[in-house]
């Protein structure tokens, strides 16, 4: 289900950033039916079972980040951290 506030947020960015953001959004929304989409702190945010990620579009790139990412279980040792 589309969140109109998220749609409005994404529509403010250049077209190439919208495309990237919509692709990442679809990836998140397709991952589980339990995912909740909201606009938090001015960014599209996604949560299930208190595990959250967010998309941070800017003029030249889009960040996909995780709140408390260092606390996520790394089942297949693929996460990078500093």
PDB file of N, CA and C in Angstrom:
ATOM      1  N   UNK A   1       0.842  -1.183   0.000  1.00  0.00           N
ATOM      2  CA  UNK A   1       0.000   0.000   0.000  1.00  0.00           C
ATOM      3  C   UNK A   1       0.887   1.246   0.000  1.00  0.00           C
ATOM      4  N   UNK A   2       0.593   2.181  -0.846  1.00  0.00           N
ATOM      5  CA  UNK A   2       1.391   3.392  -0.950  1.00  0.00           C
ATOM      6  C   UNK A   2       1.140   4.337   0.220  1.00  0.00           C
ATOM      7  N   UNK A   3       2.199   4.961   0.652  1.00  0.00           N
ATOM      8  CA  UNK A   3       2.126   5.970   1.693  1.00  0.00           C
ATOM      9  C   UNK A   3       2.277   7.315   0.993  1.00  0.00           C
ATOM     10  N   UNK A   4       1.216   8.135   1.034  1.00  0.00           N
ATOM     11  CA  UNK A   4       1.229   9.391   0.271  1.00  0.00           C
ATOM     12  C   UNK A   4       2.319  10.350   0.742  1.00  0.00           C
ATOM     13  N   UNK A   5       2.687  10.307   2.013  1.00  0.00           N
ATOM     14  CA  UNK A   5       3.737  11.180   2.523  1.00  0.00           C
ATOM     15  C   UNK A   5       5.104  10.766   1.965  1.00  0.00           C
ATOM     16  N   UNK A   6       5.317   9.462   1.846  1.00  0.00           N
ATOM     17  CA  UNK A   6       6.556   8.957   1.250  1.00  0.00           C
ATOM     18  C   UNK A   6       6.591   9.319  -0.230  1.00  0.00           C
ATOM     19  N   UNK A   7       5.474   9.151  -0.916  1.00  0.00           N
ATOM     20  CA  UNK A   7       5.388   9.513  -2.339  1.00  0.00           C
ATOM     21  C   UNK A   7       5.731  10.991  -2.536  1.00  0.00           C
ATOM     22  N   UNK A   8       5.183  11.851  -1.708  1.00  0.00           N
ATOM     23  CA  UNK A   8       5.452  13.294  -1.808  1.00  0.00           C
ATOM     24  C   UNK A   8       6.921  13.599  -1.573  1.00  0.00           C
ATOM     25  N   UNK A   9       7.512  12.943  -0.595  1.00  0.00           N
ATOM     26  CA  UNK A   9       8.930  13.146  -0.281  1.00  0.00           C
ATOM     27  C   UNK A   9       9.796  12.777  -1.480  1.00  0.00           C
ATOM     28  N   UNK A  10       9.567  11.599  -2.035  1.00  0.00           N
ATOM     29  CA  UNK A  10      10.380  11.119  -3.156  1.00  0.00           C
ATOM     30  C   UNK A  10      10.212  12.005  -4.383  1.00  0.00           C
ATOM     31  N   UNK A  11       9.013  12.513  -4.606  1.00  0.00           N
ATOM     32  CA  UNK A  11       8.743  13.315  -5.801  1.00  0.00           C
ATOM     33  C   UNK A  11       9.514  14.632  -5.826  1.00  0.00           C
ATOM     34  N   UNK A  12      10.089  15.047  -4.718  1.00  0.00           N
ATOM     35  CA  UNK A  12      10.827  16.306  -4.645  1.00  0.00           C
ATOM     36  C   UNK A  12      12.248  16.205  -5.195  1.00  0.00           C
ATOM     37  N   UNK A  13      12.712  15.002  -5.478  1.00  0.00           N
ATOM     38  CA  UNK A  13      14.086  14.802  -5.908  1.00  0.00           C
ATOM     39  C   UNK A  13      14.184  14.688  -7.429  1.00  0.00           C
ATOM     40  N   UNK A  14      15.397  14.876  -7.965  1.00  0.00           N
ATOM     41  CA  UNK A  14      15.578  14.732  -9.415  1.00  0.00           C
ATOM     42  C   UNK A  14      15.136  13.339  -9.881  1.00  0.00           C
ATOM     43  N   UNK A  15      14.761  13.250 -11.148  1.00  0.00           N
ATOM     44  CA  UNK A  15      14.194  12.014 -11.688  1.00  0.00           C
ATOM     45  C   UNK A  15      15.098  10.799 -11.486  1.00  0.00           C
ATOM     46  N   UNK A  16      16.407  10.950 -11.712  1.00  0.00           N
ATOM     47  CA  UNK A  16      17.298   9.794 -11.552  1.00  0.00           C
ATOM     48  C   UNK A  16      17.380   9.335 -10.097  1.00  0.00           C
ATOM     49  N   UNK A  17      17.246  10.240  -9.161  1.00  0.00           N
ATOM     50  CA  UNK A  17      17.228   9.877  -7.735  1.00  0.00           C
ATOM     51  C   UNK A  17      15.887   9.237  -7.378  1.00  0.00           C
ATOM     52  N   UNK A  18      14.811   9.731  -7.969  1.00  0.00           N
ATOM     53  CA  UNK A  18      13.502   9.096  -7.760  1.00  0.00           C
ATOM     54  C   UNK A  18      13.529   7.640  -8.207  1.00  0.00           C
ATOM     55  N   UNK A  19      14.131   7.374  -9.363  1.00  0.00           N
ATOM     56  CA  UNK A  19      14.196   6.009  -9.882  1.00  0.00           C
ATOM     57  C   UNK A  19      14.929   5.078  -8.914  1.00  0.00           C
ATOM     58  N   UNK A  20      16.068   5.528  -8.409  1.00  0.00           N
ATOM     59  CA  UNK A  20      16.845   4.727  -7.456  1.00  0.00           C
ATOM     60  C   UNK A  20      16.041   4.517  -6.179  1.00  0.00           C
ATOM     61  N   UNK A  21      15.435   5.588  -5.679  1.00  0.00           N
ATOM     62  CA  UNK A  21      14.672   5.516  -4.431  1.00  0.00           C
ATOM     63  C   UNK A  21      13.474   4.593  -4.571  1.00  0.00           C
ATOM     64  N   UNK A  22      12.756   4.704  -5.686  1.00  0.00           N
ATOM     65  CA  UNK A  22      11.610   3.817  -5.907  1.00  0.00           C
ATOM     66  C   UNK A  22      12.046   2.356  -6.028  1.00  0.00           C
ATOM     67  N   UNK A  23      13.199   2.104  -6.638  1.00  0.00           N
ATOM     68  CA  UNK A  23      13.701   0.723  -6.743  1.00  0.00           C
ATOM     69  C   UNK A  23      14.028   0.149  -5.366  1.00  0.00           C
ATOM     70  N   UNK A  24      14.700   0.927  -4.537  1.00  0.00           N
ATOM     71  CA  UNK A  24      15.028   0.474  -3.178  1.00  0.00           C
ATOM     72  C   UNK A  24      13.757   0.318  -2.342  1.00  0.00           C
ATOM     73  N   UNK A  25      12.830   1.227  -2.533  1.00  0.00           N
ATOM     74  CA  UNK A  25      11.547   1.141  -1.823  1.00  0.00           C
ATOM     75  C   UNK A  25      10.825  -0.148  -2.176  1.00  0.00           C
ATOM     76  N   UNK A  26      10.758  -0.464  -3.465  1.00  0.00           N
ATOM     77  CA  UNK A  26      10.085  -1.691  -3.917  1.00  0.00           C
ATOM     78  C   UNK A  26      10.780  -2.925  -3.342  1.00  0.00           C
ATOM     79  N   UNK A  27      12.094  -2.918  -3.306  1.00  0.00           N
ATOM     80  CA  UNK A  27      12.852  -4.020  -2.723  1.00  0.00           C
ATOM     81  C   UNK A  27      12.465  -4.219  -1.255  1.00  0.00           C
ATOM     82  N   UNK A  28      12.372  -3.127  -0.524  1.00  0.00           N
ATOM     83  CA  UNK A  28      11.985  -3.205   0.890  1.00  0.00           C
ATOM     84  C   UNK A  28      10.544  -3.699   1.035  1.00  0.00           C
ATOM     85  N   UNK A  29       9.631  -3.100   0.289  1.00  0.00           N
ATOM     86  CA  UNK A  29       8.215  -3.459   0.421  1.00  0.00           C
ATOM     87  C   UNK A  29       7.927  -4.895  -0.021  1.00  0.00           C
ATOM     88  N   UNK A  30       8.692  -5.397  -0.976  1.00  0.00           N
ATOM     89  CA  UNK A  30       8.498  -6.766  -1.450  1.00  0.00           C
ATOM     90  C   UNK A  30       9.115  -7.805  -0.515  1.00  0.00           C
ATOM     91  N   UNK A  31       9.920  -7.363   0.443  1.00  0.00           N
ATOM     92  CA  UNK A  31      10.635  -8.305   1.309  1.00  0.00           C
ATOM     93  C   UNK A  31       9.715  -9.030   2.294  1.00  0.00           C
ATOM     94  N   UNK A  32       8.643  -8.388   2.731  1.00  0.00           N
ATOM     95  CA  UNK A  32       7.712  -9.001   3.676  1.00  0.00           C
ATOM     96  C   UNK A  32       6.400  -8.226   3.713  1.00  0.00           C
ATOM     97  N   UNK A  33       5.311  -8.933   3.980  1.00  0.00           N
ATOM     98  CA  UNK A  33       4.005  -8.280   4.121  1.00  0.00           C
ATOM     99  C   UNK A  33       3.882  -7.538   5.449  1.00  0.00           C
ATOM    100  N   UNK A  34       4.787  -7.792   6.363  1.00  0.00           N
ATOM    101  CA  UNK A  34       4.721  -7.204   7.709  1.00  0.00           C
ATOM    102  C   UNK A  34       5.380  -5.833   7.792  1.00  0.00           C
ATOM    103  N   UNK A  35       6.025  -5.405   6.724  1.00  0.00           N
ATOM    104  CA  UNK A  35       6.777  -4.152   6.738  1.00  0.00           C
ATOM    105  C   UNK A  35       5.847  -2.950   6.833  1.00  0.00           C
ATOM    106  N   UNK A  36       6.208  -2.020   7.692  1.00  0.00           N
ATOM    107  CA  UNK A  36       5.449  -0.780   7.861  1.00  0.00           C
ATOM    108  C   UNK A  36       6.266   0.361   7.259  1.00  0.00           C
ATOM    109  N   UNK A  37       5.650   1.101   6.337  1.00  0.00           N
ATOM    110  CA  UNK A  37       6.315   2.233   5.686  1.00  0.00           C
ATOM    111  C   UNK A  37       5.802   3.538   6.283  1.00  0.00           C
ATOM    112  N   UNK A  38       6.735   4.399   6.662  1.00  0.00           N
ATOM    113  CA  UNK A  38       6.386   5.708   7.226  1.00  0.00           C
ATOM    114  C   UNK A  38       7.396   6.749   6.744  1.00  0.00           C
ATOM    115  N   UNK A  39       7.047   7.998   6.898  1.00  0.00           N
ATOM    116  CA  UNK A  39       7.990   9.087   6.699  1.00  0.00           C
ATOM    117  C   UNK A  39       8.441   9.520   8.088  1.00  0.00           C
ATOM    118  N   UNK A  40       9.707   9.268   8.412  1.00  0.00           N
ATOM    119  CA  UNK A  40      10.258   9.651   9.714  1.00  0.00           C
ATOM    120  C   UNK A  40      11.484  10.509   9.489  1.00  0.00           C
ATOM    121  N   UNK A  41      11.579  11.593  10.220  1.00  0.00           N
ATOM    122  CA  UNK A  41      12.705  12.508  10.108  1.00  0.00           C
ATOM    123  C   UNK A  41      12.913  12.946   8.669  1.00  0.00           C
ATOM    124  N   UNK A  42      11.801  13.056   7.919  1.00  0.00           N
ATOM    125  CA  UNK A  42      11.858  13.504   6.544  1.00  0.00           C
ATOM    126  C   UNK A  42      12.377  12.479   5.553  1.00  0.00           C
ATOM    127  N   UNK A  43      12.435  11.190   5.959  1.00  0.00           N
ATOM    128  CA  UNK A  43      12.958  10.135   5.096  1.00  0.00           C
ATOM    129  C   UNK A  43      12.008   8.945   5.067  1.00  0.00           C
ATOM    130  N   UNK A  44      11.895   8.257   3.919  1.00  0.00           N
ATOM    131  CA  UNK A  44      11.120   7.023   3.883  1.00  0.00           C
ATOM    132  C   UNK A  44      11.753   6.004   4.832  1.00  0.00           C
ATOM    133  N   UNK A  45      10.952   5.481   5.758  1.00  0.00           N
ATOM    134  CA  UNK A  45      11.451   4.546   6.768  1.00  0.00           C
ATOM    135  C   UNK A  45      10.604   3.288   6.768  1.00  0.00           C
ATOM    136  N   UNK A  46      11.244   2.171   7.069  1.00  0.00           N
ATOM    137  CA  UNK A  46      10.593   0.863   7.005  1.00  0.00           C
ATOM    138  C   UNK A  46      10.921   0.088   8.266  1.00  0.00           C
ATOM    139  N   UNK A  47       9.906  -0.587   8.832  1.00  0.00           N
ATOM    140  CA  UNK A  47      10.128  -1.319  10.077  1.00  0.00           C
ATOM    141  C   UNK A  47       9.314  -2.602  10.109  1.00  0.00           C
ATOM    142  N   UNK A  48       9.904  -3.612  10.741  1.00  0.00           N
ATOM    143  CA  UNK A  48       9.223  -4.851  11.074  1.00  0.00           C
ATOM    144  C   UNK A  48       9.906  -5.386  12.327  1.00  0.00           C
ATOM    145  N   UNK A  49       9.117  -5.722  13.317  1.00  0.00           N
ATOM    146  CA  UNK A  49       9.649  -6.232  14.590  1.00  0.00           C
ATOM    147  C   UNK A  49      10.736  -5.334  15.177  1.00  0.00           C
ATOM    148  N   UNK A  50      10.525  -4.049  15.127  1.00  0.00           N
ATOM    149  CA  UNK A  50      11.434  -3.036  15.676  1.00  0.00           C
ATOM    150  C   UNK A  50      12.811  -3.028  15.016  1.00  0.00           C
ATOM    151  N   UNK A  51      12.933  -3.645  13.837  1.00  0.00           N
ATOM    152  CA  UNK A  51      14.160  -3.562  13.046  1.00  0.00           C
ATOM    153  C   UNK A  51      13.856  -2.602  11.915  1.00  0.00           C
ATOM    154  N   UNK A  52      14.628  -1.541  11.832  1.00  0.00           N
ATOM    155  CA  UNK A  52      14.303  -0.435  10.949  1.00  0.00           C
ATOM    156  C   UNK A  52      15.405  -0.130   9.951  1.00  0.00           C
ATOM    157  N   UNK A  53      14.986   0.314   8.781  1.00  0.00           N
ATOM    158  CA  UNK A  53      15.913   0.880   7.813  1.00  0.00           C
ATOM    159  C   UNK A  53      15.266   2.124   7.223  1.00  0.00           C
ATOM    160  N   UNK A  54      16.069   2.920   6.545  1.00  0.00           N
ATOM    161  CA  UNK A  54      15.525   4.122   5.934  1.00  0.00           C
ATOM    162  C   UNK A  54      16.281   4.434   4.650  1.00  0.00           C
ATOM    163  N   UNK A  55      15.618   5.171   3.782  1.00  0.00           N
ATOM    164  CA  UNK A  55      16.210   5.660   2.547  1.00  0.00           C
ATOM    165  C   UNK A  55      16.460   7.146   2.720  1.00  0.00           C
ATOM    166  N   UNK A  56      17.661   7.565   2.361  1.00  0.00           N
ATOM    167  CA  UNK A  56      18.008   8.975   2.491  1.00  0.00           C
ATOM    168  C   UNK A  56      18.413   9.509   1.114  1.00  0.00           C
ATOM    169  N   UNK A  57      17.406   9.938   0.330  1.00  0.00           N
ATOM    170  CA  UNK A  57      17.733  10.487  -0.991  1.00  0.00           C
ATOM    171  C   UNK A  57      18.383  11.863  -0.861  1.00  0.00           C
ATOM    172  N   UNK A  58      19.318  12.138  -1.745  1.00  0.00           N
ATOM    173  CA  UNK A  58      19.905  13.477  -1.834  1.00  0.00           C
ATOM    174  C   UNK A  58      19.968  13.848  -3.319  1.00  0.00           C
ATOM    175  N   UNK A  59      20.606  14.925  -3.657  1.00  0.00           N
ATOM    176  CA  UNK A  59      20.616  15.369  -5.054  1.00  0.00           C
ATOM    177  C   UNK A  59      21.449  14.466  -5.967  1.00  0.00           C
ATOM    178  N   UNK A  60      22.451  13.762  -5.388  1.00  0.00           N
ATOM    179  CA  UNK A  60      23.355  12.978  -6.228  1.00  0.00           C
ATOM    180  C   UNK A  60      23.403  11.486  -5.894  1.00  0.00           C
ATOM    181  N   UNK A  61      22.801  11.066  -4.808  1.00  0.00           N
ATOM    182  CA  UNK A  61      22.842   9.652  -4.423  1.00  0.00           C
ATOM    183  C   UNK A  61      21.710   9.334  -3.450  1.00  0.00           C
ATOM    184  N   UNK A  62      21.571   8.034  -3.133  1.00  0.00           N
ATOM    185  CA  UNK A  62      20.579   7.588  -2.152  1.00  0.00           C
ATOM    186  C   UNK A  62      21.274   6.643  -1.181  1.00  0.00           C
ATOM    187  N   UNK A  63      21.155   6.909   0.106  1.00  0.00           N
ATOM    188  CA  UNK A  63      21.690   6.010   1.130  1.00  0.00           C
ATOM    189  C   UNK A  63      20.600   5.056   1.588  1.00  0.00           C
ATOM    190  N   UNK A  64      20.945   3.796   1.741  1.00  0.00           N
ATOM    191  CA  UNK A  64      20.096   2.804   2.404  1.00  0.00           C
ATOM    192  C   UNK A  64      20.805   2.495   3.703  1.00  0.00           C
ATOM    193  N   UNK A  65      20.195   2.866   4.811  1.00  0.00           N
ATOM    194  CA  UNK A  65      20.844   2.720   6.114  1.00  0.00           C
ATOM    195  C   UNK A  65      19.937   1.998   7.089  1.00  0.00           C
ATOM    196  N   UNK A  66      20.547   1.475   8.133  1.00  0.00           N
ATOM    197  CA  UNK A  66      19.820   0.740   9.160  1.00  0.00           C
ATOM    198  C   UNK A  66      20.004   1.418  10.510  1.00  0.00           C
ATOM    199  N   UNK A  67      18.879   1.662  11.204  1.00  0.00           N
ATOM    200  CA  UNK A  67      18.956   2.144  12.574  1.00  0.00           C
ATOM    201  C   UNK A  67      19.525   1.001  13.405  1.00  0.00           C
ATOM    202  N   UNK A  68      20.488   1.281  14.227  1.00  0.00           N
ATOM    203  CA  UNK A  68      21.122   0.261  15.061  1.00  0.00           C
ATOM    204  C   UNK A  68      21.648  -0.897  14.209  1.00  0.00           C
ATOM    205  N   UNK A  69      22.216  -0.564  13.059  1.00  0.00           N
ATOM    206  CA  UNK A  69      22.713  -1.570  12.133  1.00  0.00           C
ATOM    207  C   UNK A  69      23.767  -2.483  12.720  1.00  0.00           C
ATOM    208  N   UNK A  70      24.565  -1.973  13.649  1.00  0.00           N
ATOM    209  CA  UNK A  70      25.601  -2.809  14.257  1.00  0.00           C
ATOM    210  C   UNK A  70      25.008  -3.897  15.137  1.00  0.00           C
ATOM    211  N   UNK A  71      23.725  -3.781  15.466  1.00  0.00           N
ATOM    212  CA  UNK A  71      23.076  -4.793  16.305  1.00  0.00           C
ATOM    213  C   UNK A  71      22.378  -5.878  15.475  1.00  0.00           C
ATOM    214  N   UNK A  72      22.408  -5.757  14.143  1.00  0.00           N
ATOM    215  CA  UNK A  72      21.789  -6.765  13.293  1.00  0.00           C
ATOM    216  C   UNK A  72      22.642  -8.030  13.270  1.00  0.00           C
ATOM    217  N   UNK A  73      21.983  -9.174  13.244  1.00  0.00           N
ATOM    218  CA  UNK A  73      22.694 -10.441  13.147  1.00  0.00           C
ATOM    219  C   UNK A  73      23.212 -10.600  11.720  1.00  0.00           C
ATOM    220  N   UNK A  74      24.483 -10.886  11.577  1.00  0.00           N
ATOM    221  CA  UNK A  74      25.123 -11.036  10.274  1.00  0.00           C
ATOM    222  C   UNK A  74      25.251 -12.530   9.963  1.00  0.00           C
ATOM    223  N   UNK A  75      24.183 -13.110   9.448  1.00  0.00           N
ATOM    224  CA  UNK A  75      24.105 -14.551   9.229  1.00  0.00           C
ATOM    225  C   UNK A  75      25.132 -15.038   8.201  1.00  0.00           C
ATOM    226  N   UNK A  76      25.341 -14.269   7.146  1.00  0.00           N
ATOM    227  CA  UNK A  76      26.256 -14.673   6.066  1.00  0.00           C
ATOM    228  C   UNK A  76      27.477 -13.758   5.979  1.00  0.00           C
ATOM    229  N   UNK A  77      28.096 -13.343   7.020  1.00  0.00           N
ATOM    230  CA  UNK A  77      29.093 -12.297   7.126  1.00  0.00           C
ATOM    231  C   UNK A  77      29.272 -11.411   5.886  1.00  0.00           C
ATOM    232  N   UNK A  78      28.256 -10.584   5.613  1.00  0.00           N
ATOM    233  CA  UNK A  78      28.325  -9.692   4.444  1.00  0.00           C
ATOM    234  C   UNK A  78      28.270  -8.216   4.831  1.00  0.00           C
ATOM    235  N   UNK A  79      27.953  -7.902   6.077  1.00  0.00           N
ATOM    236  CA  UNK A  79      27.818  -6.512   6.487  1.00  0.00           C
ATOM    237  C   UNK A  79      29.209  -5.880   6.645  1.00  0.00           C
ATOM    238  N   UNK A  80      29.267  -4.628   6.284  1.00  0.00           N
ATOM    239  CA  UNK A  80      30.490  -3.866   6.457  1.00  0.00           C
ATOM    240  C   UNK A  80      30.263  -2.830   7.541  1.00  0.00           C
ATOM    241  N   UNK A  81      31.244  -2.626   8.352  1.00  0.00           N
ATOM    242  CA  UNK A  81      31.148  -1.581   9.367  1.00  0.00           C
ATOM    243  C   UNK A  81      32.542  -1.052   9.665  1.00  0.00           C
ATOM    244  N   UNK A  82      32.576   0.150  10.203  1.00  0.00           N
ATOM    245  CA  UNK A  82      33.859   0.771  10.579  1.00  0.00           C
ATOM    246  C   UNK A  82      33.993   0.795  12.068  1.00  0.00           C
TER     247      UNK A  82
END
